[in-house]
Amino acid sequence: MSYRKYKPNLVRSILGDVLKHNRLDRGIEELDIKAAWEKLMGNGVTSYTKDIQIRQKTLYVTLTSAVLREELSFGKEKIINLINEELRKEVITKIILR
């Protein structure tokens, strides 16, 4: 009976390596942030959200309501903390509402 000369890897670590090697981890991270935004903000805010982008740990959110933009501007730090807690790592340090 032959024995394997290598240790089996977890699928999670293999997928992580493939994502990093092909530079896909940023896209996956952006999708995770968009999903966290929808989950945390709810249907009311999500319906007024036109676009979400992330560049260099800054979250750019385009909203269609000026009133909502003003309301959310008061809670930027709380939103940053909620998203970072949801993703279990610091992915956002700043939010710009447009």
Protein backbone atom coordinates (compact mmCIF):
# COMPACT_ATOMS: atom_id res chain seq x y z
CA MET A 1 0.00 0.00 0.00
CA SER A 2 1.48 3.35 -0.98
CA TYR A 3 1.32 6.36 1.24
CA ARG A 4 0.84 9.90 0.06
CA LYS A 5 3.90 12.08 0.31
CA TYR A 6 1.97 15.31 0.65
CA LYS A 7 -0.43 16.72 3.14
CA PRO A 8 -3.97 17.35 1.96
CA ASN A 9 -4.97 21.02 1.89
CA LEU A 10 -8.28 22.49 2.85
CA VAL A 11 -10.40 23.67 -0.05
CA ARG A 12 -10.66 27.08 1.64
CA SER A 13 -6.88 27.57 1.61
CA ILE A 14 -6.60 26.40 -2.00
CA LEU A 15 -9.33 28.80 -3.12
CA GLY A 16 -7.68 31.60 -1.16
CA ASP A 17 -4.39 30.95 -2.94
CA VAL A 18 -6.09 30.89 -6.36
CA LEU A 19 -7.90 34.17 -5.64
CA LYS A 20 -4.69 35.89 -4.51
CA HIS A 21 -2.64 34.50 -7.37
CA ASN A 22 -5.14 35.69 -9.98
CA ARG A 23 -5.76 39.01 -8.18
CA LEU A 24 -9.45 38.24 -7.73
CA ASP A 25 -9.54 38.89 -3.99
CA ARG A 26 -10.33 42.59 -4.45
CA GLY A 27 -13.40 41.79 -6.53
CA ILE A 28 -14.61 39.22 -4.03
CA GLU A 29 -14.03 41.74 -1.23
CA GLU A 30 -16.06 44.37 -3.09
CA LEU A 31 -18.94 41.91 -3.52
CA ASP A 32 -18.77 41.10 0.19
CA ILE A 33 -18.92 44.82 1.04
CA LYS A 34 -21.93 45.34 -1.23
CA ALA A 35 -23.70 42.39 0.38
CA ALA A 36 -22.89 43.71 3.86
CA TRP A 37 -24.24 47.16 2.88
CA GLU A 38 -27.53 45.64 1.72
CA LYS A 39 -27.82 43.47 4.82
CA LEU A 40 -26.95 46.17 7.34
CA MET A 41 -28.75 49.12 5.77
CA GLY A 42 -31.96 47.31 4.90
CA ASN A 43 -34.36 47.69 1.99
CA GLY A 44 -35.11 51.36 2.64
CA VAL A 45 -31.54 52.59 2.21
CA THR A 46 -30.70 50.00 -0.44
CA SER A 47 -33.55 51.20 -2.65
CA TYR A 48 -31.97 54.69 -2.70
CA THR A 49 -28.44 53.34 -3.29
CA LYS A 50 -27.39 53.80 -6.90
CA ASP A 51 -23.78 52.60 -6.83
CA ILE A 52 -21.16 51.30 -4.38
CA GLN A 53 -17.43 51.33 -5.11
CA ILE A 54 -14.36 50.76 -2.97
CA ARG A 55 -10.94 52.23 -3.64
CA GLN A 56 -8.02 52.18 -1.21
CA LYS A 57 -10.15 51.37 1.85
CA THR A 58 -12.59 54.18 1.02
CA LEU A 59 -16.22 53.30 0.36
CA TYR A 60 -17.93 55.52 -2.22
CA VAL A 61 -21.72 55.31 -2.02
CA THR A 62 -23.87 57.09 -4.60
CA LEU A 63 -27.36 57.82 -3.29
CA THR A 64 -30.40 59.15 -5.12
CA SER A 65 -31.80 60.98 -2.08
CA ALA A 66 -30.15 64.11 -0.69
CA VAL A 67 -32.11 63.76 2.55
CA LEU A 68 -30.88 60.21 3.08
CA ARG A 69 -27.33 61.27 2.24
CA GLU A 70 -27.50 63.91 4.97
CA GLU A 71 -28.95 61.46 7.50
CA LEU A 72 -26.29 58.83 6.80
CA SER A 73 -23.49 61.41 7.01
CA PHE A 74 -24.14 61.70 10.76
CA GLY A 75 -23.46 57.98 11.28
CA LYS A 76 -20.42 57.38 9.07
CA GLU A 77 -18.26 56.00 11.88
CA LYS A 78 -20.99 53.61 12.98
CA ILE A 79 -21.48 52.37 9.40
CA ILE A 80 -17.72 51.80 9.04
CA ASN A 81 -17.65 49.81 12.28
CA LEU A 82 -20.71 47.75 11.33
CA ILE A 83 -19.31 46.79 7.91
CA ASN A 84 -15.87 45.95 9.32
CA GLU A 85 -17.46 43.82 12.06
CA GLU A 86 -19.67 42.05 9.51
CA LEU A 87 -16.64 41.15 7.38
CA ARG A 88 -14.45 40.42 10.44
CA LYS A 89 -11.57 42.55 9.15
CA GLU A 90 -10.81 46.20 8.52
CA VAL A 91 -11.72 46.80 4.88
CA ILE A 92 -13.06 50.33 5.18
CA THR A 93 -11.56 53.36 6.90
CA LYS A 94 -13.57 56.13 5.26
CA ILE A 95 -16.98 56.62 3.61
CA ILE A 96 -17.82 59.23 1.02
CA LEU A 97 -21.50 59.70 0.31
CA ARG A 98 -22.32 61.20 -3.09
